[in-house]
Amino acid sequence: MAGCVQQEGDNITAQTEKCEYSDVSAAEAFNLIENEDIFILDVRTQSEYDNGHLENSYLIPVSELEYRLDEVPSDTAILVYCRSGRRSVTASNILLDAGYCDVYNMEAGFNEWRSEGYPYVE
C-alpha cells in the first residue's frame, strides 16, 4: 500500500494513505483519454471485449484481476470499465486494495459509452 513514514524523535510510525476511486461518466472518461496518460482497463469477458471495446484498452476479466495485477502499471492513472458499471466497481476496489490510488471507474460502463456515440473498436 502507498504510505509515508513519519519520524517523531526515536519513534517511527507508518501511516497508510487511504485511496478512493473516482466515478466518471462516459463524457468525463472520454476527456481523460483525450487529455491524460491513462491505462484503460476493460474488466469484461473475452466475448464482450470481442463485440466492441475502447481503443487501446487492455482486457483483464474481473475474475482474473487479483492474479494479474502485475500487468497493470502502477505509475499512471487507470480508467476501469465494464458493461454497465458493476464489475468495474469490484475491479476498482481490487486495485485500491493492491495499493493503486489514481483509479477512475466509468459508472455506466461500455453501454453508456456506446449509446453516447463515443468511438470504439468493433
N, C-alpha and C. Protein backbone atom coordinates (compact mmCIF):
# COMPACT_ATOMS: atom_id res chain seq x y z
N MET A 1 0.84 -1.18 0.00
CA MET A 1 0.00 0.00 0.00
C MET A 1 0.88 1.25 0.00
N ALA A 2 0.34 2.29 -0.54
CA ALA A 2 1.04 3.56 -0.52
C ALA A 2 1.03 4.09 0.90
N GLY A 3 2.06 4.73 1.30
CA GLY A 3 2.09 5.25 2.65
C GLY A 3 3.26 6.19 2.82
N CYS A 4 3.39 6.68 4.03
CA CYS A 4 4.51 7.54 4.33
C CYS A 4 5.01 7.17 5.71
N VAL A 5 6.22 7.53 5.99
CA VAL A 5 6.79 7.26 7.30
C VAL A 5 7.02 8.60 7.98
N GLN A 6 6.53 8.68 9.20
CA GLN A 6 6.67 9.91 9.96
C GLN A 6 7.59 9.61 11.14
N GLN A 7 8.59 10.44 11.34
CA GLN A 7 9.54 10.20 12.41
C GLN A 7 9.33 11.25 13.50
N GLU A 8 9.08 10.77 14.72
CA GLU A 8 8.92 11.65 15.86
C GLU A 8 9.95 11.20 16.91
N GLY A 9 11.02 11.94 17.03
CA GLY A 9 12.09 11.53 17.94
C GLY A 9 12.63 10.18 17.54
N ASP A 10 12.60 9.24 18.47
CA ASP A 10 13.07 7.90 18.17
C ASP A 10 11.94 6.99 17.71
N ASN A 11 10.71 7.49 17.73
CA ASN A 11 9.57 6.67 17.32
C ASN A 11 9.31 6.85 15.83
N ILE A 12 9.20 5.75 15.11
CA ILE A 12 8.87 5.79 13.69
C ILE A 12 7.53 5.12 13.51
N THR A 13 6.59 5.84 12.91
CA THR A 13 5.26 5.27 12.68
C THR A 13 4.94 5.33 11.20
N ALA A 14 4.32 4.31 10.70
CA ALA A 14 3.89 4.27 9.30
C ALA A 14 2.43 4.67 9.23
N GLN A 15 2.13 5.55 8.32
CA GLN A 15 0.76 5.96 8.10
C GLN A 15 0.36 5.56 6.69
N THR A 16 -0.73 4.83 6.60
CA THR A 16 -1.19 4.37 5.30
C THR A 16 -2.17 5.36 4.72
N GLU A 17 -1.94 5.74 3.48
CA GLU A 17 -2.83 6.66 2.79
C GLU A 17 -4.04 5.88 2.30
N LYS A 18 -5.25 6.35 2.62
CA LYS A 18 -6.47 5.69 2.17
C LYS A 18 -6.88 6.31 0.84
N CYS A 19 -6.88 5.49 -0.19
CA CYS A 19 -7.23 5.97 -1.52
C CYS A 19 -8.67 5.59 -1.84
N GLU A 20 -9.28 6.36 -2.70
CA GLU A 20 -10.62 6.06 -3.20
C GLU A 20 -10.61 6.25 -4.70
N TYR A 21 -11.45 5.49 -5.40
CA TYR A 21 -11.56 5.69 -6.85
C TYR A 21 -12.55 6.81 -7.11
N SER A 22 -12.48 7.37 -8.30
CA SER A 22 -13.40 8.43 -8.71
C SER A 22 -14.36 7.89 -9.76
N ASP A 23 -15.65 8.08 -9.54
CA ASP A 23 -16.65 7.71 -10.55
C ASP A 23 -16.67 8.78 -11.63
N VAL A 24 -16.67 8.35 -12.89
CA VAL A 24 -16.74 9.29 -14.00
C VAL A 24 -17.79 8.82 -15.01
N SER A 25 -18.38 9.78 -15.69
CA SER A 25 -19.34 9.48 -16.77
C SER A 25 -18.56 9.11 -18.02
N ALA A 26 -19.27 8.70 -19.05
CA ALA A 26 -18.63 8.41 -20.33
C ALA A 26 -17.96 9.67 -20.88
N ALA A 27 -18.62 10.81 -20.74
CA ALA A 27 -18.05 12.08 -21.23
C ALA A 27 -16.76 12.41 -20.49
N GLU A 28 -16.76 12.23 -19.18
CA GLU A 28 -15.55 12.50 -18.40
C GLU A 28 -14.44 11.50 -18.75
N ALA A 29 -14.83 10.25 -18.98
CA ALA A 29 -13.85 9.23 -19.38
C ALA A 29 -13.23 9.59 -20.72
N PHE A 30 -14.05 10.03 -21.66
CA PHE A 30 -13.54 10.44 -22.97
C PHE A 30 -12.53 11.57 -22.81
N ASN A 31 -12.84 12.53 -21.97
CA ASN A 31 -11.94 13.66 -21.71
C ASN A 31 -10.63 13.18 -21.09
N LEU A 32 -10.70 12.25 -20.15
CA LEU A 32 -9.49 11.69 -19.55
C LEU A 32 -8.61 11.03 -20.60
N ILE A 33 -9.24 10.24 -21.46
CA ILE A 33 -8.50 9.52 -22.51
C ILE A 33 -7.83 10.49 -23.47
N GLU A 34 -8.55 11.56 -23.81
CA GLU A 34 -8.03 12.54 -24.76
C GLU A 34 -6.90 13.39 -24.18
N ASN A 35 -6.94 13.63 -22.87
CA ASN A 35 -6.04 14.62 -22.28
C ASN A 35 -5.04 14.09 -21.26
N GLU A 36 -5.11 12.83 -20.92
CA GLU A 36 -4.24 12.28 -19.88
C GLU A 36 -3.51 11.05 -20.40
N ASP A 37 -2.42 10.74 -19.74
CA ASP A 37 -1.75 9.46 -19.97
C ASP A 37 -2.47 8.47 -19.05
N ILE A 38 -3.31 7.62 -19.63
CA ILE A 38 -4.16 6.76 -18.82
C ILE A 38 -4.16 5.34 -19.35
N PHE A 39 -4.18 4.39 -18.45
CA PHE A 39 -4.26 2.97 -18.78
C PHE A 39 -5.74 2.59 -18.76
N ILE A 40 -6.25 2.09 -19.87
CA ILE A 40 -7.68 1.77 -19.98
C ILE A 40 -7.84 0.27 -19.74
N LEU A 41 -8.51 -0.06 -18.65
CA LEU A 41 -8.67 -1.45 -18.22
C LEU A 41 -10.11 -1.91 -18.42
N ASP A 42 -10.29 -2.89 -19.31
CA ASP A 42 -11.59 -3.50 -19.58
C ASP A 42 -11.67 -4.76 -18.73
N VAL A 43 -12.67 -4.85 -17.85
CA VAL A 43 -12.78 -6.00 -16.95
C VAL A 43 -13.94 -6.93 -17.32
N ARG A 44 -14.38 -6.85 -18.57
CA ARG A 44 -15.45 -7.73 -19.05
C ARG A 44 -14.86 -9.07 -19.49
N THR A 45 -15.70 -9.90 -20.08
CA THR A 45 -15.24 -11.19 -20.60
C THR A 45 -14.63 -11.01 -21.98
N GLN A 46 -13.92 -12.03 -22.44
CA GLN A 46 -13.33 -12.00 -23.77
C GLN A 46 -14.39 -11.81 -24.84
N SER A 47 -15.52 -12.50 -24.73
CA SER A 47 -16.57 -12.37 -25.76
C SER A 47 -17.17 -10.98 -25.78
N GLU A 48 -17.35 -10.35 -24.62
CA GLU A 48 -17.84 -8.97 -24.58
C GLU A 48 -16.83 -8.03 -25.24
N TYR A 49 -15.57 -8.24 -24.92
CA TYR A 49 -14.49 -7.43 -25.49
C TYR A 49 -14.48 -7.57 -27.01
N ASP A 50 -14.62 -8.80 -27.49
CA ASP A 50 -14.61 -9.06 -28.93
C ASP A 50 -15.77 -8.39 -29.66
N ASN A 51 -16.86 -8.12 -28.95
CA ASN A 51 -18.03 -7.48 -29.55
C ASN A 51 -17.95 -5.95 -29.53
N GLY A 52 -16.87 -5.41 -29.04
CA GLY A 52 -16.67 -3.96 -29.02
C GLY A 52 -15.95 -3.53 -27.76
N HIS A 53 -14.96 -2.65 -27.91
CA HIS A 53 -14.20 -2.17 -26.77
C HIS A 53 -13.58 -0.81 -27.07
N LEU A 54 -13.16 -0.12 -26.03
CA LEU A 54 -12.48 1.15 -26.20
C LEU A 54 -11.12 0.91 -26.85
N GLU A 55 -10.76 1.80 -27.75
CA GLU A 55 -9.46 1.70 -28.41
C GLU A 55 -8.35 1.76 -27.36
N ASN A 56 -7.32 0.95 -27.56
CA ASN A 56 -6.16 0.88 -26.66
C ASN A 56 -6.49 0.36 -25.27
N SER A 57 -7.64 -0.30 -25.12
CA SER A 57 -7.96 -0.87 -23.82
C SER A 57 -7.26 -2.22 -23.65
N TYR A 58 -7.05 -2.59 -22.40
CA TYR A 58 -6.36 -3.83 -22.04
C TYR A 58 -7.36 -4.70 -21.31
N LEU A 59 -7.56 -5.92 -21.77
CA LEU A 59 -8.55 -6.81 -21.18
C LEU A 59 -7.95 -7.67 -20.07
N ILE A 60 -8.53 -7.53 -18.88
CA ILE A 60 -8.30 -8.46 -17.78
C ILE A 60 -9.66 -8.66 -17.13
N PRO A 61 -10.33 -9.79 -17.37
CA PRO A 61 -11.63 -10.02 -16.73
C PRO A 61 -11.53 -9.86 -15.22
N VAL A 62 -12.56 -9.30 -14.61
CA VAL A 62 -12.51 -9.01 -13.17
C VAL A 62 -12.20 -10.26 -12.36
N SER A 63 -12.64 -11.42 -12.83
CA SER A 63 -12.39 -12.67 -12.11
C SER A 63 -10.90 -13.04 -12.09
N GLU A 64 -10.11 -12.44 -12.96
CA GLU A 64 -8.67 -12.73 -13.04
C GLU A 64 -7.79 -11.60 -12.51
N LEU A 65 -8.39 -10.47 -12.18
CA LEU A 65 -7.61 -9.26 -11.89
C LEU A 65 -6.64 -9.45 -10.72
N GLU A 66 -7.09 -10.04 -9.63
CA GLU A 66 -6.22 -10.19 -8.46
C GLU A 66 -4.94 -10.95 -8.78
N TYR A 67 -5.00 -11.85 -9.74
CA TYR A 67 -3.86 -12.69 -10.09
C TYR A 67 -3.03 -12.10 -11.23
N ARG A 68 -3.51 -11.01 -11.81
CA ARG A 68 -2.81 -10.41 -12.96
C ARG A 68 -2.45 -8.95 -12.72
N LEU A 69 -2.38 -8.55 -11.47
CA LEU A 69 -2.08 -7.15 -11.14
C LEU A 69 -0.73 -6.70 -11.68
N ASP A 70 0.19 -7.63 -11.89
CA ASP A 70 1.49 -7.26 -12.43
C ASP A 70 1.40 -6.73 -13.85
N GLU A 71 0.25 -6.91 -14.51
CA GLU A 71 0.05 -6.39 -15.86
C GLU A 71 -0.50 -4.96 -15.86
N VAL A 72 -0.86 -4.46 -14.69
CA VAL A 72 -1.44 -3.12 -14.56
C VAL A 72 -0.35 -2.17 -14.06
N PRO A 73 -0.05 -1.12 -14.83
CA PRO A 73 1.01 -0.20 -14.41
C PRO A 73 0.65 0.55 -13.13
N SER A 74 1.64 0.78 -12.31
CA SER A 74 1.39 1.49 -11.05
C SER A 74 1.78 2.96 -11.13
N ASP A 75 2.32 3.38 -12.28
CA ASP A 75 2.82 4.74 -12.41
C ASP A 75 1.96 5.63 -13.31
N THR A 76 0.72 5.22 -13.56
CA THR A 76 -0.17 6.01 -14.41
C THR A 76 -1.60 5.87 -13.91
N ALA A 77 -2.45 6.81 -14.30
CA ALA A 77 -3.86 6.73 -13.94
C ALA A 77 -4.50 5.54 -14.65
N ILE A 78 -5.55 4.99 -14.05
CA ILE A 78 -6.22 3.82 -14.60
C ILE A 78 -7.71 4.12 -14.73
N LEU A 79 -8.24 3.92 -15.94
CA LEU A 79 -9.68 4.02 -16.18
C LEU A 79 -10.21 2.60 -16.29
N VAL A 80 -11.14 2.24 -15.41
CA VAL A 80 -11.70 0.89 -15.37
C VAL A 80 -13.12 0.94 -15.92
N TYR A 81 -13.45 -0.01 -16.81
CA TYR A 81 -14.83 -0.08 -17.30
C TYR A 81 -15.25 -1.52 -17.53
N CYS A 82 -16.57 -1.71 -17.49
CA CYS A 82 -17.19 -3.00 -17.81
C CYS A 82 -18.39 -2.70 -18.70
N ARG A 83 -19.40 -3.53 -18.65
CA ARG A 83 -20.57 -3.31 -19.49
C ARG A 83 -21.47 -2.22 -18.92
N SER A 84 -21.81 -2.34 -17.62
CA SER A 84 -22.78 -1.42 -17.03
C SER A 84 -22.29 -0.68 -15.80
N GLY A 85 -21.12 -1.01 -15.30
CA GLY A 85 -20.59 -0.30 -14.14
C GLY A 85 -20.48 -1.12 -12.87
N ARG A 86 -21.02 -2.32 -12.85
CA ARG A 86 -20.97 -3.15 -11.64
C ARG A 86 -19.60 -3.79 -11.43
N ARG A 87 -19.14 -4.51 -12.43
CA ARG A 87 -17.85 -5.20 -12.30
C ARG A 87 -16.69 -4.22 -12.18
N SER A 88 -16.84 -3.05 -12.77
CA SER A 88 -15.76 -2.06 -12.67
C SER A 88 -15.61 -1.53 -11.25
N VAL A 89 -16.70 -1.48 -10.48
CA VAL A 89 -16.62 -1.09 -9.07
C VAL A 89 -15.81 -2.14 -8.31
N THR A 90 -16.12 -3.42 -8.55
CA THR A 90 -15.37 -4.50 -7.92
C THR A 90 -13.90 -4.41 -8.28
N ALA A 91 -13.61 -4.21 -9.57
CA ALA A 91 -12.23 -4.11 -10.04
C ALA A 91 -11.52 -2.89 -9.43
N SER A 92 -12.22 -1.77 -9.35
CA SER A 92 -11.62 -0.56 -8.77
C SER A 92 -11.23 -0.81 -7.32
N ASN A 93 -12.07 -1.51 -6.58
CA ASN A 93 -11.76 -1.84 -5.18
C ASN A 93 -10.59 -2.80 -5.07
N ILE A 94 -10.49 -3.76 -5.99
CA ILE A 94 -9.33 -4.66 -6.02
C ILE A 94 -8.05 -3.85 -6.22
N LEU A 95 -8.10 -2.90 -7.14
CA LEU A 95 -6.93 -2.06 -7.41
C LEU A 95 -6.56 -1.23 -6.18
N LEU A 96 -7.55 -0.64 -5.52
CA LEU A 96 -7.28 0.15 -4.32
C LEU A 96 -6.65 -0.72 -3.24
N ASP A 97 -7.20 -1.92 -3.04
CA ASP A 97 -6.67 -2.83 -2.02
C ASP A 97 -5.22 -3.22 -2.32
N ALA A 98 -4.86 -3.20 -3.60
CA ALA A 98 -3.50 -3.56 -4.01
C ALA A 98 -2.54 -2.36 -3.97
N GLY A 99 -3.05 -1.18 -3.60
CA GLY A 99 -2.19 -0.02 -3.46
C GLY A 99 -2.25 0.99 -4.58
N TYR A 100 -3.10 0.77 -5.57
CA TYR A 100 -3.27 1.75 -6.65
C TYR A 100 -4.14 2.88 -6.13
N CYS A 101 -3.80 4.12 -6.49
CA CYS A 101 -4.57 5.25 -5.98
C CYS A 101 -5.23 6.10 -7.07
N ASP A 102 -4.67 6.15 -8.24
CA ASP A 102 -5.18 7.02 -9.31
C ASP A 102 -6.12 6.21 -10.21
N VAL A 103 -7.32 5.89 -9.66
CA VAL A 103 -8.25 4.97 -10.32
C VAL A 103 -9.56 5.68 -10.62
N TYR A 104 -10.03 5.53 -11.86
CA TYR A 104 -11.31 6.10 -12.29
C TYR A 104 -12.23 4.97 -12.73
N ASN A 105 -13.46 4.98 -12.24
CA ASN A 105 -14.46 3.99 -12.59
C ASN A 105 -15.49 4.62 -13.53
N MET A 106 -15.62 4.09 -14.74
CA MET A 106 -16.64 4.60 -15.66
C MET A 106 -17.99 4.03 -15.22
N GLU A 107 -18.78 4.89 -14.58
CA GLU A 107 -20.00 4.49 -13.87
C GLU A 107 -20.98 3.63 -14.66
N ALA A 108 -21.35 4.05 -15.83
CA ALA A 108 -22.37 3.31 -16.60
C ALA A 108 -21.74 2.43 -17.67
N GLY A 109 -20.44 2.31 -17.65
CA GLY A 109 -19.73 1.37 -18.49
C GLY A 109 -19.83 1.57 -19.99
N PHE A 110 -19.53 0.48 -20.68
CA PHE A 110 -19.50 0.49 -22.14
C PHE A 110 -20.88 0.79 -22.73
N ASN A 111 -21.94 0.40 -22.01
CA ASN A 111 -23.30 0.70 -22.50
C ASN A 111 -23.48 2.19 -22.73
N GLU A 112 -23.10 3.00 -21.74
CA GLU A 112 -23.25 4.45 -21.88
C GLU A 112 -22.28 4.99 -22.93
N TRP A 113 -21.06 4.49 -22.92
CA TRP A 113 -20.05 4.94 -23.89
C TRP A 113 -20.59 4.80 -25.31
N ARG A 114 -21.12 3.62 -25.62
CA ARG A 114 -21.63 3.35 -26.96
C ARG A 114 -22.89 4.16 -27.25
N SER A 115 -23.81 4.24 -26.29
CA SER A 115 -25.06 4.97 -26.54
C SER A 115 -24.84 6.47 -26.70
N GLU A 116 -23.76 7.00 -26.11
CA GLU A 116 -23.43 8.42 -26.25
C GLU A 116 -22.69 8.71 -27.55
N GLY A 117 -22.34 7.67 -28.29
CA GLY A 117 -21.71 7.86 -29.60
C GLY A 117 -20.21 8.03 -29.60
N TYR A 118 -19.55 7.68 -28.50
CA TYR A 118 -18.09 7.78 -28.45
C TYR A 118 -17.47 6.65 -29.27
N PRO A 119 -16.28 6.87 -29.81
CA PRO A 119 -15.67 5.87 -30.70
C PRO A 119 -15.23 4.62 -29.94
N TYR A 120 -15.35 3.49 -30.63
CA TYR A 120 -14.87 2.23 -30.08
C TYR A 120 -14.50 1.28 -31.21
N VAL A 121 -13.79 0.25 -30.87
CA VAL A 121 -13.34 -0.75 -31.84
C VAL A 121 -14.38 -1.87 -31.88
N GLU A 122 -14.81 -2.21 -33.11
CA GLU A 122 -15.80 -3.29 -33.25
C GLU A 122 -15.13 -4.59 -33.58
